[in-house]
Amino acid sequence: MPITEAEFGSSLPVDGYGPGFFRIAGEVYRSAVVVEAGSVVEWGGLDDLDPLFALSGKVDVLFIGMGADIAILPKAFVHALEAKGVMCEAMSSPSAARTYNVLLSEGRRVAVALLPVPAKD
């Protein structure tokens, strides 16, 4: 079976990650980030809802990368996003980045908010 490389066009894929950083479309970010097809913004984490509210009407789903492991999102956080029409799903940051990339390559309206994976002691 031949391997087909994913095509992202002008969209911004998550190229990689490591302890405390993400590489998005070749550029390194050393903070939490929100990525959608055409933009990357630094994100203040779960208390910083404004960049997520800005996705209202632009995306069908927002993946929330919770760091190294999946965690349950606070109910108030989910309700606030749903009130703005932003549906979200929590998973680990690596899983969120991969899922975002796959759906992005399919031309889907998706975004991802990623908390960094901490360095291992």
Protein backbone atom coordinates (compact mmCIF):
# COMPACT_ATOMS: atom_id res chain seq x y z
CA MET A 1 0.00 0.00 0.00
CA PRO A 2 1.54 3.34 -0.98
CA ILE A 3 1.90 6.02 1.66
CA THR A 4 0.25 9.30 0.81
CA GLU A 5 1.65 12.40 2.46
CA ALA A 6 -0.97 14.63 4.07
CA GLU A 7 -1.72 17.87 2.26
CA PHE A 8 -2.51 20.91 4.37
CA GLY A 9 -2.52 23.64 1.70
CA SER A 10 -2.25 26.98 3.49
CA SER A 11 -3.48 25.50 6.78
CA LEU A 12 -1.18 25.20 9.78
CA PRO A 13 -0.49 21.64 10.99
CA VAL A 14 1.11 20.70 14.29
CA ASP A 15 4.50 19.35 13.14
CA GLY A 16 5.71 18.16 16.53
CA TYR A 17 5.94 18.71 20.25
CA GLY A 18 8.24 18.09 23.17
CA PRO A 19 8.65 19.13 26.78
CA GLY A 20 7.27 22.68 26.94
CA PHE A 21 7.00 23.38 23.21
CA PHE A 22 5.01 22.85 20.02
CA ARG A 23 6.24 23.16 16.43
CA ILE A 24 3.48 24.46 14.21
CA ALA A 25 4.02 24.90 10.47
CA GLY A 26 7.77 24.92 11.19
CA GLU A 27 7.71 27.56 13.93
CA VAL A 28 8.40 26.74 17.59
CA TYR A 29 6.05 28.00 20.33
CA ARG A 30 7.09 27.65 23.98
CA SER A 31 3.65 28.12 25.49
CA ALA A 32 0.12 26.83 25.32
CA VAL A 33 -1.40 27.64 21.92
CA VAL A 34 -4.67 27.71 20.01
CA VAL A 35 -4.32 26.63 16.39
CA GLU A 36 -6.89 26.85 13.66
CA ALA A 37 -6.46 26.45 9.92
CA GLY A 38 -4.86 29.87 9.36
CA SER A 39 -3.62 31.15 12.70
CA VAL A 40 -1.77 30.38 15.90
CA VAL A 41 -2.23 32.40 19.09
CA GLU A 42 -0.66 31.93 22.48
CA TRP A 43 -3.14 30.73 25.05
CA GLY A 44 -3.29 31.31 28.79
CA GLY A 45 -4.81 27.90 29.51
CA LEU A 46 -8.23 26.94 30.80
CA ASP A 47 -8.80 30.37 32.41
CA ASP A 48 -8.28 32.14 29.06
CA LEU A 49 -11.54 31.71 27.17
CA ASP A 50 -11.37 34.67 24.76
CA PRO A 51 -9.23 32.93 22.08
CA LEU A 52 -11.60 29.98 22.24
CA PHE A 53 -14.72 32.15 22.02
CA ALA A 54 -13.19 33.70 18.87
CA LEU A 55 -13.58 30.30 17.18
CA SER A 56 -17.38 30.53 17.34
CA GLY A 57 -18.82 30.03 13.85
CA LYS A 58 -15.39 29.15 12.43
CA VAL A 59 -14.99 25.54 13.55
CA ASP A 60 -17.17 22.49 14.03
CA VAL A 61 -15.09 21.07 16.88
CA LEU A 62 -12.29 22.24 19.15
CA PHE A 63 -9.91 19.64 20.53
CA ILE A 64 -8.44 20.52 23.93
CA GLY A 65 -5.03 18.98 24.59
CA MET A 66 -4.69 18.66 28.36
CA GLY A 67 -0.93 17.96 28.44
CA ALA A 68 0.62 14.51 28.76
CA ASP A 69 -2.60 12.81 29.87
CA ILE A 70 -6.31 13.19 29.27
CA ALA A 71 -8.19 15.08 31.97
CA ILE A 72 -11.80 16.05 32.49
CA LEU A 73 -12.61 19.61 31.53
CA PRO A 74 -14.32 21.73 34.19
CA LYS A 75 -18.08 21.83 33.62
CA ALA A 76 -18.14 25.65 33.71
CA PHE A 77 -15.49 25.72 30.95
CA VAL A 78 -17.50 23.36 28.71
CA HIS A 79 -20.77 25.22 29.36
CA ALA A 80 -19.17 28.59 28.56
CA LEU A 81 -17.86 27.28 25.22
CA GLU A 82 -21.13 25.56 24.34
CA ALA A 83 -23.01 28.81 25.06
CA LYS A 84 -20.86 30.41 22.33
CA GLY A 85 -21.49 27.52 19.95
CA VAL A 86 -18.05 25.94 20.33
CA MET A 87 -18.16 22.17 20.84
CA CYS A 88 -15.05 20.76 22.49
CA GLU A 89 -13.46 17.42 23.25
CA ALA A 90 -10.64 16.86 25.74
CA MET A 91 -7.75 14.47 25.17
CA SER A 92 -4.01 14.41 25.76
CA SER A 93 -2.07 17.04 23.81
CA PRO A 94 -0.34 14.46 21.58
CA SER A 95 -3.70 12.88 20.70
CA ALA A 96 -5.32 16.27 20.15
CA ALA A 97 -2.53 17.36 17.81
CA ARG A 98 -2.74 14.15 15.75
CA THR A 99 -6.54 14.26 15.56
CA TYR A 100 -6.45 17.94 14.54
CA ASN A 101 -3.91 17.19 11.78
CA VAL A 102 -5.92 14.27 10.36
CA LEU A 103 -9.16 16.24 10.21
CA LEU A 104 -7.35 19.34 8.94
CA SER A 105 -5.87 17.30 6.07
CA GLU A 106 -9.45 16.26 5.21
CA GLY A 107 -10.46 19.92 4.94
CA ARG A 108 -12.59 19.84 8.09
CA ARG A 109 -13.32 22.96 10.18
CA VAL A 110 -11.32 22.15 13.30
CA ALA A 111 -9.11 23.85 15.86
CA VAL A 112 -6.93 22.67 18.71
CA ALA A 113 -6.00 24.28 22.03
CA LEU A 114 -2.86 22.67 23.42
CA LEU A 115 -1.38 22.71 26.90
CA PRO A 116 2.33 21.78 26.82
CA VAL A 117 3.58 18.36 27.80
CA PRO A 118 5.79 18.83 30.86
CA ALA A 119 9.40 17.64 31.02
CA LYS A 120 9.85 14.30 32.76
CA ASP A 121 11.87 14.37 35.96
